[in-house]
Amino acid sequence: MQKPSVAELRPVVHPPGVKDRRSGEHWGGRLYMREISLRMDRHLVNTRVTPNQLTYVMTVFGVLAAPALLVPGIPGALLGVLMVQLYLLFDCVDGEIARWRKQYSMTGVYVDRVAAYLCDAAVLVGFGLRAADLWGTGRIDWLWAFLGTLAALGAILIKSETDLVGVARHQTGKEPVQESASEPRSSGMALARRAAGALKFHRLVLGIEASLLILVLAVLDTVRDDLFFSRLGVAVLAGIAMLQTVLHLVSILASSRLK
C-alpha cells in the first residue's frame, strides 16, 4: 500500500484545534515535534503497529530518562534530553496514528496520562540521584536524592489536582470542564494566575523543561568541576514543585471548575 504524503496526513492528523489546545499541547509539539512526527507517521500508518503499542513505547522512553541521567557529566544529561524528546515524539505519533485510522481507545488515553506522570517523575528523581553523586569517590549525599523525589512528588500532585477535577465532575454528573472555567472568580486571584502564567516558572518541573535545564546545569558543573549547579537546581525545583502544588490547588478551588 502506498504511503500517504505529509500533505495528505496533515489535515487528518492535525485537525483544527490540536496545536491550539491550551492545556493539551506542549510548546515543543507546536514548535517542531509535530512536523517531525508527520514524517514518521508516513512509515507507520500502513503497518500493524497500533496506537496503544506506540503509547507503551512512549512510556518506556519517559521512564528511561531516570537511568539516563545517572550517567555522569554532560553525556548523561544529553541522554536524558534524548529520552524525553523521544517520549514527546511518540506522544505526538500515537494520537496521530489513532486519528488517521479512527482507532481510538480509552486504554490508550489512560496509559498516555500515566506516561505523563512517569516521565516527569523519572526526570526529577533521576536529577536528584544525579546530584547525590552516586558514582563519585566521596560520600553519597542522599539529601539531593530526597529533594529530587520531593520535586517529583510535587509534579505528580499538580497533575493529579488537574485530573481530579474531571473525576469530581464525573462522579457528580457534571459535564467536562470548559477552559473558561479555569479563570478564578476573584479578580485578585485572576491577576496572580496571569502573572504566574507569564513567568512560567512552574513549567520547570515538567519533564521536557527540566531535562533541558539539567543539560544547562551539567555544562556549568563541568566548567566548575563539581555538582554545585545541579544541586542548586534540585533545591530550586523542589521548592517550585511544593509551592506550585499549593498554588495550583488554591487556583482550582477559587475557579468555577468545581461548580
C-alpha atoms as a PDB file:
ATOM      1  CA  MET A   1       0.000   0.000   0.000  1.00  0.00           C
ATOM      2  CA  GLN A   2       1.323   3.428  -0.952  1.00  0.00           C
ATOM      3  CA  LYS A   3       2.448   5.670   1.881  1.00  0.00           C
ATOM      4  CA  PRO A   4       0.365   8.828   2.294  1.00  0.00           C
ATOM      5  CA  SER A   5       2.151  12.116   1.778  1.00  0.00           C
ATOM      6  CA  VAL A   6       2.666  14.672   4.527  1.00  0.00           C
ATOM      7  CA  ALA A   7       0.134  16.899   2.751  1.00  0.00           C
ATOM      8  CA  GLU A   8      -2.451  14.097   2.886  1.00  0.00           C
ATOM      9  CA  LEU A   9      -1.744  13.315   6.519  1.00  0.00           C
ATOM     10  CA  ARG A  10      -1.736  16.851   7.883  1.00  0.00           C
ATOM     11  CA  PRO A  11      -5.469  17.769   7.702  1.00  0.00           C
ATOM     12  CA  VAL A  12      -6.474  14.405   9.189  1.00  0.00           C
ATOM     13  CA  VAL A  13      -3.937  14.002  11.996  1.00  0.00           C
ATOM     14  CA  HIS A  14      -3.684  17.736  12.752  1.00  0.00           C
ATOM     15  CA  PRO A  15      -7.323  18.837  12.660  1.00  0.00           C
ATOM     16  CA  PRO A  16      -8.143  22.402  13.735  1.00  0.00           C
ATOM     17  CA  GLY A  17      -7.560  22.896  17.437  1.00  0.00           C
ATOM     18  CA  VAL A  18      -4.947  20.169  18.004  1.00  0.00           C
ATOM     19  CA  LYS A  19      -2.000  22.547  18.128  1.00  0.00           C
ATOM     20  CA  ASP A  20      -4.001  25.251  19.873  1.00  0.00           C
ATOM     21  CA  ARG A  21      -5.083  23.265  22.907  1.00  0.00           C
ATOM     22  CA  ARG A  22      -4.214  25.391  25.909  1.00  0.00           C
ATOM     23  CA  SER A  23      -3.666  22.515  28.324  1.00  0.00           C
ATOM     24  CA  GLY A  24      -3.184  19.581  25.962  1.00  0.00           C
ATOM     25  CA  GLU A  25      -0.376  20.589  23.619  1.00  0.00           C
ATOM     26  CA  HIS A  26       3.207  21.194  24.681  1.00  0.00           C
ATOM     27  CA  TRP A  27       5.106  24.102  23.116  1.00  0.00           C
ATOM     28  CA  GLY A  28       7.656  21.580  21.811  1.00  0.00           C
ATOM     29  CA  GLY A  29       4.901  19.860  19.864  1.00  0.00           C
ATOM     30  CA  ARG A  30       3.713  23.109  18.311  1.00  0.00           C
ATOM     31  CA  LEU A  31       7.212  24.395  17.609  1.00  0.00           C
ATOM     32  CA  TYR A  32       8.872  21.369  15.993  1.00  0.00           C
ATOM     33  CA  MET A  33       7.811  17.883  17.077  1.00  0.00           C
ATOM     34  CA  ARG A  34       4.501  17.777  15.204  1.00  0.00           C
ATOM     35  CA  GLU A  35       6.416  18.331  11.968  1.00  0.00           C
ATOM     36  CA  ILE A  36       8.860  15.534  12.785  1.00  0.00           C
ATOM     37  CA  SER A  37       6.050  13.189  13.804  1.00  0.00           C
ATOM     38  CA  LEU A  38       4.271  13.733  10.480  1.00  0.00           C
ATOM     39  CA  ARG A  39       7.326  12.333   8.672  1.00  0.00           C
ATOM     40  CA  MET A  40       7.327   9.328  10.984  1.00  0.00           C
ATOM     41  CA  ASP A  41       3.576   8.768  10.559  1.00  0.00           C
ATOM     42  CA  ARG A  42       4.051   8.072   6.840  1.00  0.00           C
ATOM     43  CA  HIS A  43       6.047   4.949   7.653  1.00  0.00           C
ATOM     44  CA  LEU A  44       3.676   3.665  10.347  1.00  0.00           C
ATOM     45  CA  VAL A  45       0.124   4.191   9.127  1.00  0.00           C
ATOM     46  CA  ASN A  46       0.171   1.098   6.884  1.00  0.00           C
ATOM     47  CA  THR A  47       1.890  -1.195   9.378  1.00  0.00           C
ATOM     48  CA  ARG A  48       0.424  -3.451  12.065  1.00  0.00           C
ATOM     49  CA  VAL A  49       1.713  -1.198  14.825  1.00  0.00           C
ATOM     50  CA  THR A  50      -1.218   0.029  16.910  1.00  0.00           C
ATOM     51  CA  PRO A  51      -1.584   3.417  18.602  1.00  0.00           C
ATOM     52  CA  ASN A  52      -1.618   1.697  22.002  1.00  0.00           C
ATOM     53  CA  GLN A  53       1.697  -0.025  21.258  1.00  0.00           C
ATOM     54  CA  LEU A  54       3.181   3.367  20.401  1.00  0.00           C
ATOM     55  CA  THR A  55       1.873   4.730  23.702  1.00  0.00           C
ATOM     56  CA  TYR A  56       3.650   1.929  25.566  1.00  0.00           C
ATOM     57  CA  VAL A  57       6.883   2.732  23.706  1.00  0.00           C
ATOM     58  CA  MET A  58       6.408   6.385  24.683  1.00  0.00           C
ATOM     59  CA  THR A  59       6.053   5.338  28.325  1.00  0.00           C
ATOM     60  CA  VAL A  60       9.277   3.332  28.213  1.00  0.00           C
ATOM     61  CA  PHE A  61      11.244   6.278  26.833  1.00  0.00           C
ATOM     62  CA  GLY A  62       9.855   8.552  29.540  1.00  0.00           C
ATOM     63  CA  VAL A  63      10.884   6.157  32.314  1.00  0.00           C
ATOM     64  CA  LEU A  64      14.344   5.649  30.767  1.00  0.00           C
ATOM     65  CA  ALA A  65      15.095   9.318  31.433  1.00  0.00           C
ATOM     66  CA  ALA A  66      15.872   8.405  35.064  1.00  0.00           C
ATOM     67  CA  PRO A  67      18.669   5.850  34.430  1.00  0.00           C
ATOM     68  CA  ALA A  68      19.976   8.004  31.572  1.00  0.00           C
ATOM     69  CA  LEU A  69      20.556  10.880  33.982  1.00  0.00           C
ATOM     70  CA  LEU A  70      22.634   8.625  36.229  1.00  0.00           C
ATOM     71  CA  VAL A  71      25.399   8.655  33.613  1.00  0.00           C
ATOM     72  CA  PRO A  72      27.846  11.284  34.935  1.00  0.00           C
ATOM     73  CA  GLY A  73      28.601  14.565  33.220  1.00  0.00           C
ATOM     74  CA  ILE A  74      27.259  16.049  30.013  1.00  0.00           C
ATOM     75  CA  PRO A  75      26.751  12.640  28.279  1.00  0.00           C
ATOM     76  CA  GLY A  76      24.161  11.637  30.889  1.00  0.00           C
ATOM     77  CA  ALA A  77      22.360  14.968  30.598  1.00  0.00           C
ATOM     78  CA  LEU A  78      22.283  14.586  26.808  1.00  0.00           C
ATOM     79  CA  LEU A  79      20.898  11.061  27.146  1.00  0.00           C
ATOM     80  CA  GLY A  80      18.211  12.382  29.465  1.00  0.00           C
ATOM     81  CA  VAL A  81      17.198  15.033  26.930  1.00  0.00           C
ATOM     82  CA  LEU A  82      17.168  12.396  24.172  1.00  0.00           C
ATOM     83  CA  MET A  83      14.875  10.065  26.147  1.00  0.00           C
ATOM     84  CA  VAL A  84      12.452  12.887  26.899  1.00  0.00           C
ATOM     85  CA  GLN A  85      12.442  14.068  23.277  1.00  0.00           C
ATOM     86  CA  LEU A  86      11.683  10.515  22.121  1.00  0.00           C
ATOM     87  CA  TYR A  87       8.884  10.444  24.679  1.00  0.00           C
ATOM     88  CA  LEU A  88       7.496  13.662  23.167  1.00  0.00           C
ATOM     89  CA  LEU A  89       7.835  12.280  19.627  1.00  0.00           C
ATOM     90  CA  PHE A  90       5.834   9.141  20.385  1.00  0.00           C
ATOM     91  CA  ASP A  91       3.346  11.227  22.371  1.00  0.00           C
ATOM     92  CA  CYS A  92       2.604  13.004  19.099  1.00  0.00           C
ATOM     93  CA  VAL A  93       2.719   9.918  16.881  1.00  0.00           C
ATOM     94  CA  ASP A  94       0.353   7.680  18.843  1.00  0.00           C
ATOM     95  CA  GLY A  95      -2.537  10.138  18.666  1.00  0.00           C
ATOM     96  CA  GLU A  96      -1.857  10.968  15.027  1.00  0.00           C
ATOM     97  CA  ILE A  97      -1.952   7.314  14.001  1.00  0.00           C
ATOM     98  CA  ALA A  98      -5.165   6.878  16.002  1.00  0.00           C
ATOM     99  CA  ARG A  99      -6.773   9.829  14.183  1.00  0.00           C
ATOM    100  CA  TRP A 100      -5.681   8.589  10.748  1.00  0.00           C
ATOM    101  CA  ARG A 101      -7.095   5.100  11.363  1.00  0.00           C
ATOM    102  CA  LYS A 102     -10.003   6.280  13.547  1.00  0.00           C
ATOM    103  CA  GLN A 103      -8.718   3.716  16.034  1.00  0.00           C
ATOM    104  CA  TYR A 104      -9.494   5.299  19.395  1.00  0.00           C
ATOM    105  CA  SER A 105      -9.040   3.607  22.756  1.00  0.00           C
ATOM    106  CA  MET A 106      -9.847   4.507  26.341  1.00  0.00           C
ATOM    107  CA  THR A 107      -6.881   2.352  27.377  1.00  0.00           C
ATOM    108  CA  GLY A 108      -4.622   4.476  25.189  1.00  0.00           C
ATOM    109  CA  VAL A 109      -5.867   7.691  26.786  1.00  0.00           C
ATOM    110  CA  TYR A 110      -5.329   6.228  30.257  1.00  0.00           C
ATOM    111  CA  VAL A 111      -1.809   4.926  29.564  1.00  0.00           C
ATOM    112  CA  ASP A 112      -0.911   8.215  27.879  1.00  0.00           C
ATOM    113  CA  ARG A 113      -1.803  10.056  31.073  1.00  0.00           C
ATOM    114  CA  VAL A 114       0.099   7.593  33.260  1.00  0.00           C
ATOM    115  CA  ALA A 115       3.120   8.062  30.986  1.00  0.00           C
ATOM    116  CA  ALA A 116       2.995  11.828  31.522  1.00  0.00           C
ATOM    117  CA  TYR A 117       3.162  11.262  35.286  1.00  0.00           C
ATOM    118  CA  LEU A 118       6.020   8.777  34.951  1.00  0.00           C
ATOM    119  CA  CYS A 119       8.121  10.917  32.612  1.00  0.00           C
ATOM    120  CA  ASP A 120       8.029  13.997  34.853  1.00  0.00           C
ATOM    121  CA  ALA A 121       8.746  11.894  37.930  1.00  0.00           C
ATOM    122  CA  ALA A 122      11.571   9.956  36.236  1.00  0.00           C
ATOM    123  CA  VAL A 123      13.380  13.137  35.193  1.00  0.00           C
ATOM    124  CA  LEU A 124      13.162  14.707  38.652  1.00  0.00           C
ATOM    125  CA  VAL A 125      14.071  11.545  40.576  1.00  0.00           C
ATOM    126  CA  GLY A 126      16.937  10.923  38.177  1.00  0.00           C
ATOM    127  CA  PHE A 127      18.094  14.517  38.664  1.00  0.00           C
ATOM    128  CA  GLY A 128      18.093  14.093  42.435  1.00  0.00           C
ATOM    129  CA  LEU A 129      20.105  10.864  42.237  1.00  0.00           C
ATOM    130  CA  ARG A 130      22.492  12.543  39.817  1.00  0.00           C
ATOM    131  CA  ALA A 131      23.050  15.399  42.274  1.00  0.00           C
ATOM    132  CA  ALA A 132      23.646  12.866  45.072  1.00  0.00           C
ATOM    133  CA  ASP A 133      26.776  11.798  43.136  1.00  0.00           C
ATOM    134  CA  LEU A 134      26.144   8.039  43.160  1.00  0.00           C
ATOM    135  CA  TRP A 135      29.302   7.230  41.217  1.00  0.00           C
ATOM    136  CA  GLY A 136      31.606   9.731  42.902  1.00  0.00           C
ATOM    137  CA  THR A 137      34.564   8.866  45.104  1.00  0.00           C
ATOM    138  CA  GLY A 138      33.152  10.603  48.153  1.00  0.00           C
ATOM    139  CA  ARG A 139      30.129  10.011  50.379  1.00  0.00           C
ATOM    140  CA  ILE A 140      26.759   9.808  48.642  1.00  0.00           C
ATOM    141  CA  ASP A 141      24.665  12.762  49.807  1.00  0.00           C
ATOM    142  CA  TRP A 142      21.118  11.422  49.932  1.00  0.00           C
ATOM    143  CA  LEU A 143      19.677  14.871  50.715  1.00  0.00           C
ATOM    144  CA  TRP A 144      19.674  15.668  46.993  1.00  0.00           C
ATOM    145  CA  ALA A 145      18.008  12.377  46.125  1.00  0.00           C
ATOM    146  CA  PHE A 146      15.316  13.229  48.690  1.00  0.00           C
ATOM    147  CA  LEU A 147      14.809  16.719  47.220  1.00  0.00           C
ATOM    148  CA  GLY A 148      14.591  15.288  43.704  1.00  0.00           C
ATOM    149  CA  THR A 149      11.948  12.819  44.887  1.00  0.00           C
ATOM    150  CA  LEU A 150      10.108  15.672  46.622  1.00  0.00           C
ATOM    151  CA  ALA A 151      10.102  17.613  43.349  1.00  0.00           C
ATOM    152  CA  ALA A 152       8.770  14.521  41.554  1.00  0.00           C
ATOM    153  CA  LEU A 153       6.004  14.150  44.137  1.00  0.00           C
ATOM    154  CA  GLY A 154       5.026  17.782  43.627  1.00  0.00           C
ATOM    155  CA  ALA A 155       4.952  17.381  39.837  1.00  0.00           C
ATOM    156  CA  ILE A 156       2.682  14.339  40.179  1.00  0.00           C
ATOM    157  CA  LEU A 157       0.401  16.102  42.664  1.00  0.00           C
ATOM    158  CA  ILE A 158      -0.006  19.083  40.334  1.00  0.00           C
ATOM    159  CA  LYS A 159      -1.122  16.787  37.508  1.00  0.00           C
ATOM    160  CA  SER A 160      -3.369  14.876  39.921  1.00  0.00           C
ATOM    161  CA  GLU A 161      -5.067  18.086  41.047  1.00  0.00           C
ATOM    162  CA  THR A 162      -5.959  18.841  37.433  1.00  0.00           C
ATOM    163  CA  ASP A 163      -7.130  15.315  36.617  1.00  0.00           C
ATOM    164  CA  LEU A 164      -9.187  15.023  39.796  1.00  0.00           C
ATOM    165  CA  VAL A 165     -11.342  17.935  38.640  1.00  0.00           C
ATOM    166  CA  GLY A 166     -12.598  15.661  35.871  1.00  0.00           C
ATOM    167  CA  VAL A 167     -13.111  12.816  38.343  1.00  0.00           C
ATOM    168  CA  ALA A 168     -15.098  15.028  40.721  1.00  0.00           C
ATOM    169  CA  ARG A 169     -17.289  16.404  37.919  1.00  0.00           C
ATOM    170  CA  HIS A 170     -17.931  12.928  36.505  1.00  0.00           C
ATOM    171  CA  GLN A 171     -18.883  11.488  39.872  1.00  0.00           C
ATOM    172  CA  THR A 172     -21.342  14.323  40.481  1.00  0.00           C
ATOM    173  CA  GLY A 173     -22.877  14.041  36.997  1.00  0.00           C
ATOM    174  CA  LYS A 174     -21.427  17.297  35.657  1.00  0.00           C
ATOM    175  CA  GLU A 175     -20.240  17.946  32.110  1.00  0.00           C
ATOM    176  CA  PRO A 176     -16.460  18.062  31.421  1.00  0.00           C
ATOM    177  CA  VAL A 177     -14.937  21.359  32.470  1.00  0.00           C
ATOM    178  CA  GLN A 178     -14.602  24.156  29.903  1.00  0.00           C
ATOM    179  CA  GLU A 179     -11.407  26.193  29.501  1.00  0.00           C
ATOM    180  CA  SER A 180     -13.210  29.368  30.599  1.00  0.00           C
ATOM    181  CA  ALA A 181     -13.971  27.783  33.976  1.00  0.00           C
ATOM    182  CA  SER A 182     -10.273  27.744  34.868  1.00  0.00           C
ATOM    183  CA  GLU A 183     -10.297  31.502  35.421  1.00  0.00           C
ATOM    184  CA  PRO A 184     -10.507  32.328  39.170  1.00  0.00           C
ATOM    185  CA  ARG A 185     -13.693  34.035  40.293  1.00  0.00           C
ATOM    186  CA  SER A 186     -11.706  36.589  42.321  1.00  0.00           C
ATOM    187  CA  SER A 187     -10.100  39.402  40.300  1.00  0.00           C
ATOM    188  CA  GLY A 188      -7.072  39.332  42.587  1.00  0.00           C
ATOM    189  CA  MET A 189      -6.615  35.601  42.105  1.00  0.00           C
ATOM    190  CA  ALA A 190      -7.057  36.005  38.353  1.00  0.00           C
ATOM    191  CA  LEU A 191      -4.320  38.647  38.267  1.00  0.00           C
ATOM    192  CA  ALA A 192      -1.981  36.435  40.299  1.00  0.00           C
ATOM    193  CA  ARG A 193      -2.697  33.494  37.996  1.00  0.00           C
ATOM    194  CA  ARG A 194      -1.930  35.546  34.879  1.00  0.00           C
ATOM    195  CA  ALA A 195       1.309  36.803  36.460  1.00  0.00           C
ATOM    196  CA  ALA A 196       2.388  33.242  37.298  1.00  0.00           C
ATOM    197  CA  GLY A 197       1.421  32.136  33.791  1.00  0.00           C
ATOM    198  CA  ALA A 198       3.531  34.888  32.245  1.00  0.00           C
ATOM    199  CA  LEU A 199       6.599  33.933  34.297  1.00  0.00           C
ATOM    200  CA  LYS A 200       6.052  30.203  33.569  1.00  0.00           C
ATOM    201  CA  PHE A 201       8.392  29.210  36.387  1.00  0.00           C
ATOM    202  CA  HIS A 202       6.054  26.316  37.209  1.00  0.00           C
ATOM    203  CA  ARG A 203       6.894  24.644  33.893  1.00  0.00           C
ATOM    204  CA  LEU A 204      10.409  23.891  35.118  1.00  0.00           C
ATOM    205  CA  VAL A 205       9.119  20.825  36.965  1.00  0.00           C
ATOM    206  CA  LEU A 206       7.761  19.314  33.732  1.00  0.00           C
ATOM    207  CA  GLY A 207       9.934  16.597  32.212  1.00  0.00           C
ATOM    208  CA  ILE A 208      10.793  18.379  28.962  1.00  0.00           C
ATOM    209  CA  GLU A 209      11.737  21.704  30.540  1.00  0.00           C
ATOM    210  CA  ALA A 210      13.512  20.020  33.456  1.00  0.00           C
ATOM    211  CA  SER A 211      15.632  17.865  31.130  1.00  0.00           C
ATOM    212  CA  LEU A 212      16.800  20.942  29.210  1.00  0.00           C
ATOM    213  CA  LEU A 213      17.591  22.734  32.479  1.00  0.00           C
ATOM    214  CA  ILE A 214      19.585  19.703  33.654  1.00  0.00           C
ATOM    215  CA  LEU A 215      21.677  19.837  30.469  1.00  0.00           C
ATOM    216  CA  VAL A 216      22.496  23.518  31.023  1.00  0.00           C
ATOM    217  CA  LEU A 217      23.420  22.833  34.645  1.00  0.00           C
ATOM    218  CA  ALA A 218      25.582  19.872  33.599  1.00  0.00           C
ATOM    219  CA  VAL A 219      27.595  22.175  31.340  1.00  0.00           C
ATOM    220  CA  LEU A 220      28.043  24.656  34.200  1.00  0.00           C
ATOM    221  CA  ASP A 221      29.065  21.830  36.551  1.00  0.00           C
ATOM    222  CA  THR A 222      31.660  20.678  34.025  1.00  0.00           C
ATOM    223  CA  VAL A 223      33.163  24.162  33.907  1.00  0.00           C
ATOM    224  CA  ARG A 224      33.212  24.373  37.695  1.00  0.00           C
ATOM    225  CA  ASP A 225      34.235  20.697  38.107  1.00  0.00           C
ATOM    226  CA  ASP A 226      31.705  19.867  40.820  1.00  0.00           C
ATOM    227  CA  LEU A 227      27.940  19.437  41.267  1.00  0.00           C
ATOM    228  CA  PHE A 228      27.157  22.860  42.721  1.00  0.00           C
ATOM    229  CA  PHE A 229      24.780  23.979  39.958  1.00  0.00           C
ATOM    230  CA  SER A 230      22.964  20.640  39.740  1.00  0.00           C
ATOM    231  CA  ARG A 231      22.420  20.643  43.490  1.00  0.00           C
ATOM    232  CA  LEU A 232      21.188  24.220  43.387  1.00  0.00           C
ATOM    233  CA  GLY A 233      18.842  23.226  40.563  1.00  0.00           C
ATOM    234  CA  VAL A 234      17.426  20.279  42.516  1.00  0.00           C
ATOM    235  CA  ALA A 235      16.719  22.526  45.508  1.00  0.00           C
ATOM    236  CA  VAL A 236      15.042  25.155  43.318  1.00  0.00           C
ATOM    237  CA  LEU A 237      12.859  22.589  41.523  1.00  0.00           C
ATOM    238  CA  ALA A 238      11.804  21.033  44.836  1.00  0.00           C
ATOM    239  CA  GLY A 239      10.801  24.479  46.103  1.00  0.00           C
ATOM    240  CA  ILE A 240       8.910  25.293  42.894  1.00  0.00           C
ATOM    241  CA  ALA A 241       7.096  21.952  42.963  1.00  0.00           C
ATOM    242  CA  MET A 242       5.951  22.320  46.552  1.00  0.00           C
ATOM    243  CA  LEU A 243       4.888  25.956  46.079  1.00  0.00           C
ATOM    244  CA  GLN A 244       3.084  25.212  42.825  1.00  0.00           C
ATOM    245  CA  THR A 245       1.263  22.259  44.387  1.00  0.00           C
ATOM    246  CA  VAL A 246      -0.334  24.611  46.914  1.00  0.00           C
ATOM    247  CA  LEU A 247      -0.937  27.481  44.475  1.00  0.00           C
ATOM    248  CA  HIS A 248      -2.475  25.189  41.854  1.00  0.00           C
ATOM    249  CA  LEU A 249      -4.850  23.692  44.414  1.00  0.00           C
ATOM    250  CA  VAL A 250      -5.900  27.164  45.562  1.00  0.00           C
ATOM    251  CA  SER A 251      -6.366  28.209  41.915  1.00  0.00           C
ATOM    252  CA  ILE A 252      -8.706  25.268  41.269  1.00  0.00           C
ATOM    253  CA  LEU A 253     -10.738  25.887  44.409  1.00  0.00           C
ATOM    254  CA  ALA A 254     -11.022  29.606  43.527  1.00  0.00           C
ATOM    255  CA  SER A 255     -12.177  28.909  39.957  1.00  0.00           C
ATOM    256  CA  SER A 256     -15.504  27.660  38.576  1.00  0.00           C
ATOM    257  CA  ARG A 257     -14.141  24.220  37.691  1.00  0.00           C
ATOM    258  CA  LEU A 258     -15.828  22.598  40.700  1.00  0.00           C
ATOM    259  CA  LYS A 259     -19.132  24.463  40.276  1.00  0.00           C
END
